[in-house]
């Protein structure tokens, strides 16, 4: 088992959640139960699934939860692009958060590749 708190990937995931919460505070109020909620949930899912996978008994199970975290990161990336398309985020915000998402995606792939499954 891995101690998720020690993993850089989990730590960066926590930071991403904070960033997402900060940028979504400016979203229109009518989006609170739509896009805002969805963006926040998909960001939370990334470090949560990494942690859950680390708590499982095998690398095969960890690998599965890393796949789920990767899927959530792609979902989040799409939602960030849609937020830009809808005018909720500017180009700089979109690029900054997308770069962080892409970094985490690479880290997930690297971690998954390092597992002996």
N, C-alpha and C. Protein backbone atom coordinates (compact mmCIF):
# COMPACT_ATOMS: atom_id res chain seq x y z
N UNK A 1 0.83 -1.19 0.00
CA UNK A 1 0.00 0.00 0.00
C UNK A 1 0.88 1.25 0.00
N UNK A 2 0.36 2.28 -0.62
CA UNK A 2 1.05 3.57 -0.69
C UNK A 2 0.38 4.54 0.29
N UNK A 3 1.19 5.39 0.89
CA UNK A 3 0.66 6.45 1.74
C UNK A 3 0.31 7.62 0.82
N UNK A 4 -0.96 7.81 0.54
CA UNK A 4 -1.38 8.81 -0.44
C UNK A 4 -0.94 10.21 -0.05
N UNK A 5 -0.86 10.49 1.25
CA UNK A 5 -0.48 11.84 1.70
C UNK A 5 0.95 12.21 1.28
N UNK A 6 1.76 11.21 1.06
CA UNK A 6 3.15 11.45 0.67
C UNK A 6 3.32 11.58 -0.84
N UNK A 7 2.29 11.26 -1.61
CA UNK A 7 2.39 11.28 -3.07
C UNK A 7 2.25 12.69 -3.61
N UNK A 8 3.21 13.11 -4.44
CA UNK A 8 3.15 14.43 -5.08
C UNK A 8 1.89 14.57 -5.92
N UNK A 9 1.49 13.49 -6.55
CA UNK A 9 0.31 13.52 -7.42
C UNK A 9 -0.95 13.85 -6.60
N UNK A 10 -1.07 13.30 -5.41
CA UNK A 10 -2.21 13.59 -4.54
C UNK A 10 -2.13 15.02 -4.03
N UNK A 11 -0.93 15.46 -3.67
CA UNK A 11 -0.75 16.84 -3.19
C UNK A 11 -1.10 17.85 -4.27
N UNK A 12 -0.68 17.58 -5.50
CA UNK A 12 -1.03 18.47 -6.61
C UNK A 12 -2.52 18.43 -6.89
N UNK A 13 -3.14 17.27 -6.71
CA UNK A 13 -4.59 17.15 -6.86
C UNK A 13 -5.33 18.02 -5.86
N UNK A 14 -4.85 18.04 -4.62
CA UNK A 14 -5.44 18.91 -3.59
C UNK A 14 -5.33 20.37 -4.00
N UNK A 15 -4.17 20.75 -4.51
CA UNK A 15 -3.98 22.13 -4.96
C UNK A 15 -4.91 22.48 -6.10
N UNK A 16 -5.12 21.52 -6.99
CA UNK A 16 -6.03 21.75 -8.12
C UNK A 16 -7.45 21.99 -7.63
N UNK A 17 -7.89 21.23 -6.65
CA UNK A 17 -9.23 21.42 -6.10
C UNK A 17 -9.37 22.84 -5.56
N UNK A 18 -8.38 23.30 -4.84
CA UNK A 18 -8.42 24.67 -4.30
C UNK A 18 -8.51 25.69 -5.43
N UNK A 19 -7.69 25.51 -6.47
CA UNK A 19 -7.71 26.42 -7.61
C UNK A 19 -9.08 26.43 -8.28
N UNK A 20 -9.67 25.25 -8.44
CA UNK A 20 -10.98 25.14 -9.08
C UNK A 20 -12.04 25.85 -8.25
N UNK A 21 -12.01 25.67 -6.96
CA UNK A 21 -12.98 26.36 -6.10
C UNK A 21 -12.84 27.87 -6.20
N UNK A 22 -11.60 28.35 -6.27
CA UNK A 22 -11.38 29.79 -6.37
C UNK A 22 -11.90 30.35 -7.69
N UNK A 23 -11.63 29.65 -8.81
CA UNK A 23 -12.08 30.21 -10.10
C UNK A 23 -13.57 30.07 -10.29
N UNK A 24 -14.18 29.06 -9.69
CA UNK A 24 -15.63 28.89 -9.88
C UNK A 24 -16.45 29.82 -9.00
N UNK A 25 -15.81 30.49 -8.07
CA UNK A 25 -16.53 31.46 -7.24
C UNK A 25 -17.08 32.61 -8.09
N UNK A 26 -16.47 32.82 -9.25
CA UNK A 26 -16.89 33.92 -10.11
C UNK A 26 -17.93 33.49 -11.15
N UNK A 27 -18.25 32.21 -11.20
CA UNK A 27 -19.24 31.73 -12.15
C UNK A 27 -20.61 32.33 -11.81
N UNK A 28 -21.48 32.48 -12.80
CA UNK A 28 -22.82 33.01 -12.53
C UNK A 28 -23.56 32.16 -11.50
N UNK A 29 -24.34 32.83 -10.68
CA UNK A 29 -25.09 32.13 -9.61
C UNK A 29 -26.04 31.08 -10.18
N UNK A 30 -26.60 31.34 -11.36
CA UNK A 30 -27.52 30.36 -11.94
C UNK A 30 -26.82 29.06 -12.35
N UNK A 31 -25.49 29.06 -12.36
CA UNK A 31 -24.71 27.86 -12.69
C UNK A 31 -24.32 27.06 -11.45
N UNK A 32 -24.70 27.53 -10.26
CA UNK A 32 -24.27 26.89 -9.02
C UNK A 32 -24.61 25.41 -8.99
N UNK A 33 -25.81 25.03 -9.43
CA UNK A 33 -26.22 23.63 -9.39
C UNK A 33 -26.04 22.92 -10.73
N UNK A 34 -25.36 23.57 -11.64
CA UNK A 34 -25.10 22.98 -12.95
C UNK A 34 -23.58 22.88 -13.15
N UNK A 35 -23.02 23.74 -13.97
CA UNK A 35 -21.61 23.63 -14.32
C UNK A 35 -20.69 23.81 -13.11
N UNK A 36 -20.98 24.76 -12.25
CA UNK A 36 -20.12 25.00 -11.08
C UNK A 36 -20.00 23.73 -10.24
N UNK A 37 -21.13 23.13 -9.94
CA UNK A 37 -21.14 21.90 -9.15
C UNK A 37 -20.39 20.77 -9.86
N UNK A 38 -20.60 20.65 -11.14
CA UNK A 38 -19.97 19.58 -11.91
C UNK A 38 -18.45 19.74 -11.96
N UNK A 39 -17.99 20.97 -12.18
CA UNK A 39 -16.55 21.24 -12.22
C UNK A 39 -15.92 20.91 -10.88
N UNK A 40 -16.56 21.34 -9.82
CA UNK A 40 -16.02 21.08 -8.49
C UNK A 40 -15.99 19.59 -8.18
N UNK A 41 -17.04 18.88 -8.52
CA UNK A 41 -17.08 17.43 -8.25
C UNK A 41 -16.01 16.67 -9.02
N UNK A 42 -15.82 17.03 -10.29
CA UNK A 42 -14.80 16.31 -11.05
C UNK A 42 -13.40 16.60 -10.53
N UNK A 43 -13.17 17.83 -10.04
CA UNK A 43 -11.84 18.13 -9.48
C UNK A 43 -11.62 17.35 -8.17
N UNK A 44 -12.64 17.28 -7.33
CA UNK A 44 -12.55 16.53 -6.07
C UNK A 44 -12.30 15.05 -6.33
N UNK A 45 -12.85 14.55 -7.41
CA UNK A 45 -12.73 13.13 -7.74
C UNK A 45 -11.28 12.71 -8.01
N UNK A 46 -10.46 13.63 -8.47
CA UNK A 46 -9.08 13.27 -8.83
C UNK A 46 -8.28 12.83 -7.60
N UNK A 47 -8.06 13.70 -6.60
CA UNK A 47 -7.29 13.23 -5.44
C UNK A 47 -8.03 12.19 -4.61
N UNK A 48 -9.36 12.24 -4.64
CA UNK A 48 -10.14 11.26 -3.87
C UNK A 48 -9.93 9.84 -4.39
N UNK A 49 -9.93 9.68 -5.71
CA UNK A 49 -9.72 8.35 -6.28
C UNK A 49 -8.28 7.88 -6.13
N UNK A 50 -7.34 8.81 -6.17
CA UNK A 50 -5.95 8.43 -5.92
C UNK A 50 -5.83 7.89 -4.49
N UNK A 51 -6.43 8.61 -3.54
CA UNK A 51 -6.39 8.17 -2.14
C UNK A 51 -7.09 6.82 -1.96
N UNK A 52 -8.26 6.68 -2.56
CA UNK A 52 -9.00 5.42 -2.41
C UNK A 52 -8.21 4.25 -2.98
N UNK A 53 -7.61 4.47 -4.14
CA UNK A 53 -6.80 3.41 -4.74
C UNK A 53 -5.62 3.01 -3.87
N UNK A 54 -5.02 3.99 -3.22
CA UNK A 54 -3.89 3.71 -2.32
C UNK A 54 -4.33 2.89 -1.11
N UNK A 55 -5.58 3.03 -0.73
CA UNK A 55 -6.10 2.30 0.41
C UNK A 55 -6.54 0.89 0.09
N UNK A 56 -6.54 0.54 -1.17
CA UNK A 56 -6.94 -0.81 -1.57
C UNK A 56 -5.77 -1.77 -1.40
N UNK A 57 -6.04 -3.04 -1.51
CA UNK A 57 -5.04 -4.05 -1.19
C UNK A 57 -4.09 -4.47 -2.27
N UNK A 58 -4.27 -3.95 -3.49
CA UNK A 58 -3.39 -4.43 -4.55
C UNK A 58 -3.09 -3.32 -5.56
N UNK A 59 -2.01 -3.52 -6.29
CA UNK A 59 -1.67 -2.58 -7.35
C UNK A 59 -2.70 -2.61 -8.47
N UNK A 60 -3.34 -3.75 -8.68
CA UNK A 60 -4.38 -3.83 -9.72
C UNK A 60 -5.55 -2.92 -9.35
N UNK A 61 -5.94 -2.93 -8.09
CA UNK A 61 -7.02 -2.05 -7.65
C UNK A 61 -6.59 -0.59 -7.70
N UNK A 62 -5.35 -0.31 -7.30
CA UNK A 62 -4.83 1.06 -7.39
C UNK A 62 -4.85 1.53 -8.83
N UNK A 63 -4.45 0.66 -9.74
CA UNK A 63 -4.44 0.99 -11.16
C UNK A 63 -5.85 1.36 -11.65
N UNK A 64 -6.84 0.62 -11.19
CA UNK A 64 -8.23 0.91 -11.55
C UNK A 64 -8.63 2.32 -11.09
N UNK A 65 -8.31 2.65 -9.84
CA UNK A 65 -8.69 3.96 -9.32
C UNK A 65 -7.89 5.09 -9.96
N UNK A 66 -6.67 4.79 -10.40
CA UNK A 66 -5.91 5.79 -11.18
C UNK A 66 -6.60 6.03 -12.53
N UNK A 67 -7.16 4.99 -13.12
CA UNK A 67 -7.94 5.16 -14.36
C UNK A 67 -9.15 6.06 -14.11
N UNK A 68 -9.81 5.87 -12.98
CA UNK A 68 -10.97 6.71 -12.65
C UNK A 68 -10.52 8.16 -12.47
N UNK A 69 -9.41 8.36 -11.77
CA UNK A 69 -8.88 9.71 -11.57
C UNK A 69 -8.51 10.35 -12.91
N UNK A 70 -7.94 9.55 -13.80
CA UNK A 70 -7.59 10.07 -15.13
C UNK A 70 -8.86 10.47 -15.89
N UNK A 71 -9.89 9.66 -15.80
CA UNK A 71 -11.16 10.00 -16.44
C UNK A 71 -11.73 11.29 -15.88
N UNK A 72 -11.65 11.46 -14.58
CA UNK A 72 -12.15 12.69 -13.95
C UNK A 72 -11.33 13.90 -14.40
N UNK A 73 -10.04 13.70 -14.61
CA UNK A 73 -9.21 14.82 -15.06
C UNK A 73 -9.58 15.24 -16.48
N UNK A 74 -9.92 14.28 -17.32
CA UNK A 74 -10.37 14.60 -18.68
C UNK A 74 -11.73 15.29 -18.66
N UNK A 75 -12.60 14.82 -17.77
CA UNK A 75 -13.90 15.46 -17.58
C UNK A 75 -13.71 16.91 -17.14
N UNK A 76 -12.83 17.12 -16.17
CA UNK A 76 -12.55 18.47 -15.68
C UNK A 76 -11.98 19.35 -16.78
N UNK A 77 -11.06 18.81 -17.54
CA UNK A 77 -10.46 19.59 -18.64
C UNK A 77 -11.53 20.04 -19.63
N UNK A 78 -12.44 19.15 -19.96
CA UNK A 78 -13.54 19.49 -20.86
C UNK A 78 -14.42 20.59 -20.26
N UNK A 79 -14.73 20.46 -18.99
CA UNK A 79 -15.58 21.45 -18.33
C UNK A 79 -14.90 22.82 -18.25
N UNK A 80 -13.60 22.84 -18.09
CA UNK A 80 -12.85 24.10 -18.08
C UNK A 80 -12.92 24.75 -19.46
N UNK A 81 -12.75 23.95 -20.50
CA UNK A 81 -12.85 24.47 -21.88
C UNK A 81 -14.25 25.02 -22.14
N UNK A 82 -15.27 24.28 -21.69
CA UNK A 82 -16.64 24.75 -21.85
C UNK A 82 -16.88 26.04 -21.07
N UNK A 83 -16.30 26.14 -19.91
CA UNK A 83 -16.42 27.37 -19.10
C UNK A 83 -15.81 28.56 -19.83
N UNK A 84 -14.71 28.33 -20.51
CA UNK A 84 -14.10 29.38 -21.34
C UNK A 84 -15.03 29.73 -22.51
N UNK A 85 -15.54 28.70 -23.18
CA UNK A 85 -16.45 28.91 -24.32
C UNK A 85 -17.67 29.74 -23.91
N UNK A 86 -18.14 29.54 -22.70
CA UNK A 86 -19.33 30.24 -22.21
C UNK A 86 -19.00 31.62 -21.62
N UNK A 87 -17.72 31.96 -21.60
CA UNK A 87 -17.30 33.27 -21.11
C UNK A 87 -17.17 33.37 -19.60
N UNK A 88 -17.13 32.22 -18.91
CA UNK A 88 -16.99 32.23 -17.45
C UNK A 88 -15.54 32.34 -17.02
N UNK A 89 -14.62 31.95 -17.89
CA UNK A 89 -13.18 32.04 -17.63
C UNK A 89 -12.51 32.79 -18.76
N UNK A 90 -11.45 33.51 -18.43
CA UNK A 90 -10.70 34.17 -19.50
C UNK A 90 -9.59 33.23 -19.98
N UNK A 91 -8.88 33.65 -21.01
CA UNK A 91 -7.87 32.78 -21.63
C UNK A 91 -6.76 32.42 -20.66
N UNK A 92 -6.31 33.38 -19.87
CA UNK A 92 -5.22 33.13 -18.93
C UNK A 92 -5.64 32.12 -17.87
N UNK A 93 -6.83 32.28 -17.31
CA UNK A 93 -7.33 31.33 -16.31
C UNK A 93 -7.43 29.93 -16.91
N UNK A 94 -7.94 29.87 -18.12
CA UNK A 94 -8.13 28.58 -18.79
C UNK A 94 -6.79 27.90 -19.03
N UNK A 95 -5.82 28.64 -19.53
CA UNK A 95 -4.50 28.06 -19.79
C UNK A 95 -3.82 27.61 -18.51
N UNK A 96 -3.91 28.43 -17.47
CA UNK A 96 -3.26 28.10 -16.20
C UNK A 96 -3.82 26.82 -15.61
N UNK A 97 -5.14 26.72 -15.54
CA UNK A 97 -5.75 25.54 -14.93
C UNK A 97 -5.57 24.31 -15.82
N UNK A 98 -5.61 24.50 -17.13
CA UNK A 98 -5.41 23.38 -18.06
C UNK A 98 -4.00 22.82 -17.94
N UNK A 99 -3.02 23.69 -17.79
CA UNK A 99 -1.64 23.22 -17.60
C UNK A 99 -1.51 22.37 -16.35
N UNK A 100 -2.17 22.78 -15.27
CA UNK A 100 -2.14 22.01 -14.03
C UNK A 100 -2.82 20.66 -14.21
N UNK A 101 -3.93 20.65 -14.91
CA UNK A 101 -4.63 19.39 -15.18
C UNK A 101 -3.74 18.47 -16.00
N UNK A 102 -3.12 19.01 -17.06
CA UNK A 102 -2.26 18.20 -17.92
C UNK A 102 -1.06 17.63 -17.16
N UNK A 103 -0.52 18.40 -16.24
CA UNK A 103 0.59 17.91 -15.42
C UNK A 103 0.14 16.72 -14.57
N UNK A 104 -1.03 16.85 -13.96
CA UNK A 104 -1.56 15.75 -13.15
C UNK A 104 -1.85 14.53 -14.02
N UNK A 105 -2.37 14.75 -15.23
CA UNK A 105 -2.64 13.62 -16.13
C UNK A 105 -1.34 12.86 -16.44
N UNK A 106 -0.27 13.59 -16.69
CA UNK A 106 1.02 12.93 -16.96
C UNK A 106 1.51 12.17 -15.73
N UNK A 107 1.32 12.76 -14.57
CA UNK A 107 1.74 12.10 -13.34
C UNK A 107 0.93 10.82 -13.09
N UNK A 108 -0.35 10.87 -13.38
CA UNK A 108 -1.19 9.67 -13.22
C UNK A 108 -0.68 8.57 -14.14
N UNK A 109 -0.43 8.91 -15.42
CA UNK A 109 0.09 7.90 -16.36
C UNK A 109 1.41 7.33 -15.87
N UNK A 110 2.31 8.19 -15.39
CA UNK A 110 3.61 7.74 -14.92
C UNK A 110 3.50 6.84 -13.71
N UNK A 111 2.64 7.21 -12.78
CA UNK A 111 2.44 6.40 -11.58
C UNK A 111 1.85 5.04 -11.95
N UNK A 112 0.87 5.06 -12.83
CA UNK A 112 0.24 3.82 -13.27
C UNK A 112 1.26 2.91 -13.96
N UNK A 113 2.09 3.51 -14.82
CA UNK A 113 3.10 2.72 -15.52
C UNK A 113 4.14 2.12 -14.58
N UNK A 114 4.34 2.75 -13.42
CA UNK A 114 5.34 2.25 -12.47
C UNK A 114 4.83 1.08 -11.63
N UNK A 115 3.52 0.87 -11.66
CA UNK A 115 2.95 -0.22 -10.86
C UNK A 115 3.23 -1.56 -11.53
N UNK A 116 3.46 -2.55 -10.71
CA UNK A 116 3.69 -3.91 -11.20
C UNK A 116 2.36 -4.65 -11.18
N UNK A 117 1.62 -4.52 -12.31
CA UNK A 117 0.31 -5.19 -12.38
C UNK A 117 0.27 -6.20 -13.50
